[in-house]
Amino acid sequence: MLSRMSGAQLKTKIFADGADIKGILELAADSRIVGFTTNPTLMRQAGVVDYTEFAAELLLHVVDRPISFEVFADEPEEMRRQAKVISSWAENVYVKIPVTTTRGESLIPLVRDLSLEGVKVNVTAVFTLEQVKAATNALRDGNSSYISIFAGRIADTGVDPLPVMSAALEIMKSSPRTECIWASPREVLNLVQADSVGCHIITMTRDLLNKLDGIGKDLSQYSLETVQMFFRDATAAKYEL
């Protein structure tokens, strides 16, 4: 369970990202977690074997907040079929559709069709402003939706994601039912950064969620605690020189 955040109150909404059922259900008890996301990679890492069974168990408990499940095909028509099945599971379900196939072929036409047909789409693996523009145009007249921009991975390339996210949010103003997700954050600072540009949502793994207590912490006190930790560990190890 997360303890209460200190410091300035942030407006960016926090979605928990993961596939460990026990961990998700624990986080579901925290009112500050206002949504959930998962993906096939996280599911495989968590040892999920049966996709439908996994989703059904989560949806027994997560009934009042949005939760995203991803299609796992690579052909548009099979993606369409899977998206319809996933969408039918519950009203709070969003369906993750990657922005392209594994061959780099755009899935924006599929995104547009699904959204117009009432599916709540979460366009994922978005990295460029051109992709943001295309997804925004596709979603403008459809159902409630998300665009997940992988700001953390953008930063991994040495590019500052803040200007990208700011520009993306400006583009997305033309689609008021579409919210921007800051995906793949690398540190708690990313939550503060997301809030500073007005990003609607950030996804955070359990490891990052556990660090939220550090927001607003006095740095002198943090320094002292770090010195004490080093001393305790050295003493416990019984090192000698």
C-alpha atoms as a PDB file:
ATOM      1  CA  MET A   1       0.000   0.000   0.000  1.00  0.00           C
ATOM      2  CA  LEU A   2       1.262   3.443  -0.874  1.00  0.00           C
ATOM      3  CA  SER A   3       1.528   5.965   1.908  1.00  0.00           C
ATOM      4  CA  ARG A   4       0.390   9.551   1.463  1.00  0.00           C
ATOM      5  CA  MET A   5       2.423  11.696  -0.949  1.00  0.00           C
ATOM      6  CA  SER A   6       4.039  14.822   0.438  1.00  0.00           C
ATOM      7  CA  GLY A   7       4.814  18.044  -1.352  1.00  0.00           C
ATOM      8  CA  ALA A   8       2.698  19.798  -3.941  1.00  0.00           C
ATOM      9  CA  GLN A   9      -0.459  18.039  -5.039  1.00  0.00           C
ATOM     10  CA  LEU A  10      -0.021  16.841  -8.604  1.00  0.00           C
ATOM     11  CA  LYS A  11      -2.842  16.772 -11.146  1.00  0.00           C
ATOM     12  CA  THR A  12      -1.471  14.073 -13.434  1.00  0.00           C
ATOM     13  CA  LYS A  13      -3.399  10.855 -12.856  1.00  0.00           C
ATOM     14  CA  ILE A  14      -1.479   7.715 -11.915  1.00  0.00           C
ATOM     15  CA  PHE A  15      -2.157   4.381 -13.608  1.00  0.00           C
ATOM     16  CA  ALA A  16      -0.435   1.301 -12.174  1.00  0.00           C
ATOM     17  CA  ASP A  17       1.426  -0.695 -14.821  1.00  0.00           C
ATOM     18  CA  GLY A  18       1.948  -4.406 -14.249  1.00  0.00           C
ATOM     19  CA  ALA A  19       0.598  -7.941 -14.505  1.00  0.00           C
ATOM     20  CA  ASP A  20       1.066  -9.394 -11.039  1.00  0.00           C
ATOM     21  CA  ILE A  21      -2.489 -10.036  -9.874  1.00  0.00           C
ATOM     22  CA  LYS A  22      -1.680  -9.872  -6.157  1.00  0.00           C
ATOM     23  CA  GLY A  23       0.140  -6.568  -6.598  1.00  0.00           C
ATOM     24  CA  ILE A  24      -2.613  -5.091  -8.763  1.00  0.00           C
ATOM     25  CA  LEU A  25      -5.295  -6.007  -6.260  1.00  0.00           C
ATOM     26  CA  GLU A  26      -3.282  -4.428  -3.441  1.00  0.00           C
ATOM     27  CA  LEU A  27      -2.942  -1.233  -5.470  1.00  0.00           C
ATOM     28  CA  ALA A  28      -6.657  -1.314  -6.275  1.00  0.00           C
ATOM     29  CA  ALA A  29      -7.235  -0.509  -2.606  1.00  0.00           C
ATOM     30  CA  ASP A  30      -5.366   2.794  -3.000  1.00  0.00           C
ATOM     31  CA  SER A  31      -7.680   5.571  -4.163  1.00  0.00           C
ATOM     32  CA  ARG A  32      -4.795   7.495  -5.776  1.00  0.00           C
ATOM     33  CA  ILE A  33      -4.351   4.754  -8.356  1.00  0.00           C
ATOM     34  CA  VAL A  34      -7.063   5.731 -10.810  1.00  0.00           C
ATOM     35  CA  GLY A  35      -6.394   3.192 -13.568  1.00  0.00           C
ATOM     36  CA  PHE A  36      -4.388   0.163 -14.641  1.00  0.00           C
ATOM     37  CA  THR A  37      -2.452  -0.937 -17.709  1.00  0.00           C
ATOM     38  CA  THR A  38      -0.770  -4.166 -18.690  1.00  0.00           C
ATOM     39  CA  ASN A  39       0.754  -5.731 -21.799  1.00  0.00           C
ATOM     40  CA  PRO A  40       1.816  -9.175 -23.065  1.00  0.00           C
ATOM     41  CA  THR A  41       5.453  -8.645 -22.048  1.00  0.00           C
ATOM     42  CA  LEU A  42       4.518  -7.867 -18.441  1.00  0.00           C
ATOM     43  CA  MET A  43       2.064 -10.757 -18.436  1.00  0.00           C
ATOM     44  CA  ARG A  44       4.701 -13.202 -19.609  1.00  0.00           C
ATOM     45  CA  GLN A  45       7.165 -11.931 -17.003  1.00  0.00           C
ATOM     46  CA  ALA A  46       4.498 -12.449 -14.324  1.00  0.00           C
ATOM     47  CA  GLY A  47       3.918 -16.033 -15.455  1.00  0.00           C
ATOM     48  CA  VAL A  48       0.426 -15.475 -16.877  1.00  0.00           C
ATOM     49  CA  VAL A  49      -0.583 -18.515 -18.938  1.00  0.00           C
ATOM     50  CA  ASP A  50      -4.270 -17.947 -19.728  1.00  0.00           C
ATOM     51  CA  TYR A  51      -5.014 -14.424 -21.016  1.00  0.00           C
ATOM     52  CA  THR A  52      -8.800 -14.615 -20.602  1.00  0.00           C
ATOM     53  CA  GLU A  53      -8.603 -16.107 -17.132  1.00  0.00           C
ATOM     54  CA  PHE A  54      -6.110 -13.434 -16.048  1.00  0.00           C
ATOM     55  CA  ALA A  55      -8.359 -10.639 -17.317  1.00  0.00           C
ATOM     56  CA  ALA A  56     -11.494 -12.146 -15.805  1.00  0.00           C
ATOM     57  CA  GLU A  57      -9.919 -12.332 -12.355  1.00  0.00           C
ATOM     58  CA  LEU A  58      -8.754  -8.727 -12.516  1.00  0.00           C
ATOM     59  CA  LEU A  59     -12.135  -7.505 -13.702  1.00  0.00           C
ATOM     60  CA  LEU A  60     -13.847  -9.098 -10.735  1.00  0.00           C
ATOM     61  CA  HIS A  61     -12.029  -6.553  -8.565  1.00  0.00           C
ATOM     62  CA  VAL A  62     -11.218  -3.620 -10.865  1.00  0.00           C
ATOM     63  CA  VAL A  63     -14.710  -2.419 -11.690  1.00  0.00           C
ATOM     64  CA  ASP A  64     -14.595   1.324 -11.061  1.00  0.00           C
ATOM     65  CA  ARG A  65     -11.411   2.341 -12.880  1.00  0.00           C
ATOM     66  CA  PRO A  66     -10.145   1.989 -16.462  1.00  0.00           C
ATOM     67  CA  ILE A  67      -7.903  -0.951 -17.274  1.00  0.00           C
ATOM     68  CA  SER A  68      -6.084  -1.595 -20.563  1.00  0.00           C
ATOM     69  CA  PHE A  69      -5.467  -4.999 -22.148  1.00  0.00           C
ATOM     70  CA  GLU A  70      -3.478  -5.388 -25.374  1.00  0.00           C
ATOM     71  CA  VAL A  71      -4.183  -7.385 -28.508  1.00  0.00           C
ATOM     72  CA  PHE A  72      -1.452  -9.880 -29.345  1.00  0.00           C
ATOM     73  CA  ALA A  73      -1.885 -10.470 -33.090  1.00  0.00           C
ATOM     74  CA  ASP A  74       0.049  -8.870 -35.937  1.00  0.00           C
ATOM     75  CA  GLU A  75      -2.566  -8.911 -38.715  1.00  0.00           C
ATOM     76  CA  PRO A  76      -5.171  -6.118 -38.714  1.00  0.00           C
ATOM     77  CA  GLU A  77      -8.205  -8.370 -39.107  1.00  0.00           C
ATOM     78  CA  GLU A  78      -7.170 -10.652 -36.264  1.00  0.00           C
ATOM     79  CA  MET A  79      -6.412  -7.565 -34.175  1.00  0.00           C
ATOM     80  CA  ARG A  80      -9.915  -6.310 -34.966  1.00  0.00           C
ATOM     81  CA  ARG A  81     -11.436  -9.594 -33.797  1.00  0.00           C
ATOM     82  CA  GLN A  82      -9.370  -9.665 -30.599  1.00  0.00           C
ATOM     83  CA  ALA A  83     -10.168  -6.006 -29.883  1.00  0.00           C
ATOM     84  CA  LYS A  84     -13.909  -6.685 -30.094  1.00  0.00           C
ATOM     85  CA  VAL A  85     -13.576  -9.651 -27.729  1.00  0.00           C
ATOM     86  CA  ILE A  86     -11.471  -7.716 -25.204  1.00  0.00           C
ATOM     87  CA  SER A  87     -13.771  -4.689 -25.368  1.00  0.00           C
ATOM     88  CA  SER A  88     -16.775  -6.890 -24.577  1.00  0.00           C
ATOM     89  CA  TRP A  89     -15.318  -7.953 -21.213  1.00  0.00           C
ATOM     90  CA  ALA A  90     -16.393  -4.818 -19.320  1.00  0.00           C
ATOM     91  CA  GLU A  91     -17.340  -1.169 -19.745  1.00  0.00           C
ATOM     92  CA  ASN A  92     -14.107   0.010 -18.088  1.00  0.00           C
ATOM     93  CA  VAL A  93     -11.843  -1.908 -20.503  1.00  0.00           C
ATOM     94  CA  TYR A  94      -9.611  -0.098 -22.991  1.00  0.00           C
ATOM     95  CA  VAL A  95      -7.983  -2.050 -25.807  1.00  0.00           C
ATOM     96  CA  LYS A  96      -4.324  -1.424 -26.563  1.00  0.00           C
ATOM     97  CA  ILE A  97      -3.594  -1.312 -30.297  1.00  0.00           C
ATOM     98  CA  PRO A  98       0.050  -0.764 -31.331  1.00  0.00           C
ATOM     99  CA  VAL A  99       0.551   2.151 -33.687  1.00  0.00           C
ATOM    100  CA  THR A 100       2.057  -0.186 -36.331  1.00  0.00           C
ATOM    101  CA  THR A 101       2.423  -3.875 -37.079  1.00  0.00           C
ATOM    102  CA  THR A 102       5.796  -5.576 -36.572  1.00  0.00           C
ATOM    103  CA  ARG A 103       6.476  -4.764 -40.227  1.00  0.00           C
ATOM    104  CA  GLY A 104       5.994  -1.056 -39.642  1.00  0.00           C
ATOM    105  CA  GLU A 105       2.604  -0.895 -41.370  1.00  0.00           C
ATOM    106  CA  SER A 106       0.303   1.737 -39.906  1.00  0.00           C
ATOM    107  CA  LEU A 107      -2.640   0.535 -37.834  1.00  0.00           C
ATOM    108  CA  ILE A 108      -4.260   3.965 -37.756  1.00  0.00           C
ATOM    109  CA  PRO A 109      -7.124   2.873 -40.074  1.00  0.00           C
ATOM    110  CA  LEU A 110      -7.929   0.046 -37.653  1.00  0.00           C
ATOM    111  CA  VAL A 111      -7.737   2.455 -34.715  1.00  0.00           C
ATOM    112  CA  ARG A 112     -10.216   4.766 -36.455  1.00  0.00           C
ATOM    113  CA  ASP A 113     -12.655   1.961 -37.254  1.00  0.00           C
ATOM    114  CA  LEU A 114     -12.594   0.499 -33.749  1.00  0.00           C
ATOM    115  CA  SER A 115     -13.030   3.864 -32.069  1.00  0.00           C
ATOM    116  CA  LEU A 116     -15.965   4.799 -34.302  1.00  0.00           C
ATOM    117  CA  GLU A 117     -17.513   1.416 -33.532  1.00  0.00           C
ATOM    118  CA  GLY A 118     -17.456   2.192 -29.814  1.00  0.00           C
ATOM    119  CA  VAL A 119     -14.274   0.423 -28.691  1.00  0.00           C
ATOM    120  CA  LYS A 120     -12.246   2.380 -26.138  1.00  0.00           C
ATOM    121  CA  VAL A 121      -8.822   2.353 -27.766  1.00  0.00           C
ATOM    122  CA  ASN A 122      -5.417   2.884 -26.186  1.00  0.00           C
ATOM    123  CA  VAL A 123      -2.962   3.519 -29.040  1.00  0.00           C
ATOM    124  CA  THR A 124       0.358   2.239 -27.745  1.00  0.00           C
ATOM    125  CA  ALA A 125       4.071   2.263 -28.648  1.00  0.00           C
ATOM    126  CA  VAL A 126       3.810   5.861 -29.896  1.00  0.00           C
ATOM    127  CA  PHE A 127       7.138   7.705 -30.207  1.00  0.00           C
ATOM    128  CA  THR A 128       6.839  10.448 -32.842  1.00  0.00           C
ATOM    129  CA  LEU A 129       4.704  13.543 -33.257  1.00  0.00           C
ATOM    130  CA  GLU A 130       3.675  12.289 -36.691  1.00  0.00           C
ATOM    131  CA  GLN A 131       2.195   9.225 -34.985  1.00  0.00           C
ATOM    132  CA  VAL A 132       0.479  11.462 -32.425  1.00  0.00           C
ATOM    133  CA  LYS A 133      -1.109  13.535 -35.205  1.00  0.00           C
ATOM    134  CA  ALA A 134      -2.338  10.457 -37.064  1.00  0.00           C
ATOM    135  CA  ALA A 135      -3.754   8.841 -33.917  1.00  0.00           C
ATOM    136  CA  THR A 136      -5.426  12.083 -32.808  1.00  0.00           C
ATOM    137  CA  ASN A 137      -7.141  12.483 -36.168  1.00  0.00           C
ATOM    138  CA  ALA A 138      -8.275   8.857 -36.077  1.00  0.00           C
ATOM    139  CA  LEU A 139      -9.739   9.134 -32.584  1.00  0.00           C
ATOM    140  CA  ARG A 140     -11.331  12.582 -32.824  1.00  0.00           C
ATOM    141  CA  ASP A 141     -14.882  11.426 -33.602  1.00  0.00           C
ATOM    142  CA  GLY A 142     -14.799   8.134 -31.732  1.00  0.00           C
ATOM    143  CA  ASN A 143     -15.148   6.827 -28.199  1.00  0.00           C
ATOM    144  CA  SER A 144     -13.060   7.786 -25.159  1.00  0.00           C
ATOM    145  CA  SER A 145      -9.429   6.886 -25.836  1.00  0.00           C
ATOM    146  CA  TYR A 146      -5.780   7.156 -24.844  1.00  0.00           C
ATOM    147  CA  ILE A 147      -2.538   7.750 -26.726  1.00  0.00           C
ATOM    148  CA  SER A 148       0.412   6.172 -24.905  1.00  0.00           C
ATOM    149  CA  ILE A 149       3.637   8.011 -25.714  1.00  0.00           C
ATOM    150  CA  PHE A 150       6.729   6.141 -24.551  1.00  0.00           C
ATOM    151  CA  ALA A 151       8.488   9.123 -23.025  1.00  0.00           C
ATOM    152  CA  GLY A 152      10.864   6.928 -21.019  1.00  0.00           C
ATOM    153  CA  ARG A 153      12.125   5.136 -24.087  1.00  0.00           C
ATOM    154  CA  ILE A 154      12.410   8.443 -25.938  1.00  0.00           C
ATOM    155  CA  ALA A 155      14.669   9.615 -23.100  1.00  0.00           C
ATOM    156  CA  ASP A 156      16.690   6.408 -23.424  1.00  0.00           C
ATOM    157  CA  THR A 157      17.756   7.601 -26.893  1.00  0.00           C
ATOM    158  CA  GLY A 158      19.200  10.808 -25.440  1.00  0.00           C
ATOM    159  CA  VAL A 159      16.228  12.948 -26.514  1.00  0.00           C
ATOM    160  CA  ASP A 160      14.492  15.157 -23.952  1.00  0.00           C
ATOM    161  CA  PRO A 161      10.870  13.940 -23.909  1.00  0.00           C
ATOM    162  CA  LEU A 162       9.434  17.132 -22.392  1.00  0.00           C
ATOM    163  CA  PRO A 163       9.241  19.120 -25.659  1.00  0.00           C
ATOM    164  CA  VAL A 164       7.795  16.052 -27.386  1.00  0.00           C
ATOM    165  CA  MET A 165       5.105  15.633 -24.727  1.00  0.00           C
ATOM    166  CA  SER A 166       4.279  19.348 -24.731  1.00  0.00           C
ATOM    167  CA  ALA A 167       3.852  19.321 -28.501  1.00  0.00           C
ATOM    168  CA  ALA A 168       1.804  16.134 -28.353  1.00  0.00           C
ATOM    169  CA  LEU A 169      -0.593  17.639 -25.818  1.00  0.00           C
ATOM    170  CA  GLU A 170      -1.060  20.669 -28.050  1.00  0.00           C
ATOM    171  CA  ILE A 171      -1.898  18.395 -30.999  1.00  0.00           C
ATOM    172  CA  MET A 172      -4.314  16.358 -28.910  1.00  0.00           C
ATOM    173  CA  LYS A 173      -6.402  19.380 -27.933  1.00  0.00           C
ATOM    174  CA  SER A 174      -8.363  18.805 -31.140  1.00  0.00           C
ATOM    175  CA  SER A 175      -9.608  15.475 -29.740  1.00  0.00           C
ATOM    176  CA  PRO A 176     -11.028  16.278 -26.285  1.00  0.00           C
ATOM    177  CA  ARG A 177     -12.102  12.686 -25.562  1.00  0.00           C
ATOM    178  CA  THR A 178      -8.519  11.478 -25.979  1.00  0.00           C
ATOM    179  CA  GLU A 179      -6.098  11.580 -23.039  1.00  0.00           C
ATOM    180  CA  CYS A 180      -2.311  11.504 -23.223  1.00  0.00           C
ATOM    181  CA  ILE A 181      -0.395   8.852 -21.274  1.00  0.00           C
ATOM    182  CA  TRP A 182       3.261   9.365 -20.306  1.00  0.00           C
ATOM    183  CA  ALA A 183       4.367   5.741 -20.679  1.00  0.00           C
ATOM    184  CA  SER A 184       7.522   3.895 -19.589  1.00  0.00           C
ATOM    185  CA  PRO A 185       8.717   6.381 -16.949  1.00  0.00           C
ATOM    186  CA  ARG A 186      12.170   5.732 -15.523  1.00  0.00           C
ATOM    187  CA  GLU A 187      12.043   7.699 -12.254  1.00  0.00           C
ATOM    188  CA  VAL A 188       9.662   9.536  -9.933  1.00  0.00           C
ATOM    189  CA  LEU A 189      10.863  12.832 -11.430  1.00  0.00           C
ATOM    190  CA  ASN A 190       8.946  11.846 -14.567  1.00  0.00           C
ATOM    191  CA  LEU A 191       5.672  12.230 -12.637  1.00  0.00           C
ATOM    192  CA  VAL A 192       6.622  15.778 -11.711  1.00  0.00           C
ATOM    193  CA  GLN A 193       7.675  16.442 -15.323  1.00  0.00           C
ATOM    194  CA  ALA A 194       4.446  15.004 -16.686  1.00  0.00           C
ATOM    195  CA  ASP A 195       2.475  17.228 -14.345  1.00  0.00           C
ATOM    196  CA  SER A 196       4.506  20.284 -15.333  1.00  0.00           C
ATOM    197  CA  VAL A 197       3.397  19.991 -18.984  1.00  0.00           C
ATOM    198  CA  GLY A 198      -0.180  19.043 -18.171  1.00  0.00           C
ATOM    199  CA  CYS A 199       0.016  15.405 -19.223  1.00  0.00           C
ATOM    200  CA  HIS A 200      -3.237  13.709 -18.287  1.00  0.00           C
ATOM    201  CA  ILE A 201      -1.892  10.333 -17.106  1.00  0.00           C
ATOM    202  CA  ILE A 202       1.349   8.559 -16.250  1.00  0.00           C
ATOM    203  CA  THR A 203       1.817   4.808 -15.927  1.00  0.00           C
ATOM    204  CA  MET A 204       4.046   3.649 -13.080  1.00  0.00           C
ATOM    205  CA  THR A 205       5.332   0.231 -12.095  1.00  0.00           C
ATOM    206  CA  ARG A 206       5.216  -0.984  -8.508  1.00  0.00           C
ATOM    207  CA  ASP A 207       8.911  -0.125  -8.033  1.00  0.00           C
ATOM    208  CA  LEU A 208       8.276   3.524  -8.914  1.00  0.00           C
ATOM    209  CA  LEU A 209       5.042   3.703  -6.952  1.00  0.00           C
ATOM    210  CA  ASN A 210       6.957   2.608  -3.864  1.00  0.00           C
ATOM    211  CA  LYS A 211       9.214   5.661  -4.239  1.00  0.00           C
ATOM    212  CA  LEU A 212       6.459   8.263  -4.183  1.00  0.00           C
ATOM    213  CA  ASP A 213       7.150   9.022  -0.521  1.00  0.00           C
ATOM    214  CA  GLY A 214      10.308  10.800  -1.675  1.00  0.00           C
ATOM    215  CA  ILE A 215       8.384  13.635  -3.330  1.00  0.00           C
ATOM    216  CA  GLY A 216       8.978  16.799  -1.324  1.00  0.00           C
ATOM    217  CA  LYS A 217      11.442  15.131   1.027  1.00  0.00           C
ATOM    218  CA  ASP A 218      14.036  17.330   2.738  1.00  0.00           C
ATOM    219  CA  LEU A 219      17.360  16.671   1.020  1.00  0.00           C
ATOM    220  CA  SER A 220      19.448  17.191   4.168  1.00  0.00           C
ATOM    221  CA  GLN A 221      17.389  14.575   5.980  1.00  0.00           C
ATOM    222  CA  TYR A 222      17.649  12.274   2.964  1.00  0.00           C
ATOM    223  CA  SER A 223      21.436  12.713   3.027  1.00  0.00           C
ATOM    224  CA  LEU A 224      21.563  11.750   6.702  1.00  0.00           C
ATOM    225  CA  GLU A 225      19.386   8.676   6.110  1.00  0.00           C
ATOM    226  CA  THR A 226      21.679   7.592   3.282  1.00  0.00           C
ATOM    227  CA  VAL A 227      24.779   7.915   5.486  1.00  0.00           C
ATOM    228  CA  GLN A 228      23.011   5.887   8.184  1.00  0.00           C
ATOM    229  CA  MET A 229      22.080   3.195   5.656  1.00  0.00           C
ATOM    230  CA  PHE A 230      25.681   2.849   4.476  1.00  0.00           C
ATOM    231  CA  PHE A 231      26.866   2.559   8.095  1.00  0.00           C
ATOM    232  CA  ARG A 232      24.226  -0.040   9.021  1.00  0.00           C
ATOM    233  CA  ASP A 233      25.081  -2.174   6.001  1.00  0.00           C
ATOM    234  CA  ALA A 234      28.832  -1.974   6.590  1.00  0.00           C
ATOM    235  CA  THR A 235      28.348  -2.894  10.243  1.00  0.00           C
ATOM    236  CA  ALA A 236      26.017  -5.792   9.402  1.00  0.00           C
ATOM    237  CA  ALA A 237      28.582  -7.104   6.908  1.00  0.00           C
ATOM    238  CA  LYS A 238      31.307  -7.032   9.624  1.00  0.00           C
ATOM    239  CA  TYR A 239      33.899  -5.651   7.237  1.00  0.00           C
ATOM    240  CA  GLU A 240      37.453  -5.272   8.503  1.00  0.00           C
ATOM    241  CA  LEU A 241      40.587  -3.547   7.178  1.00  0.00           C
END
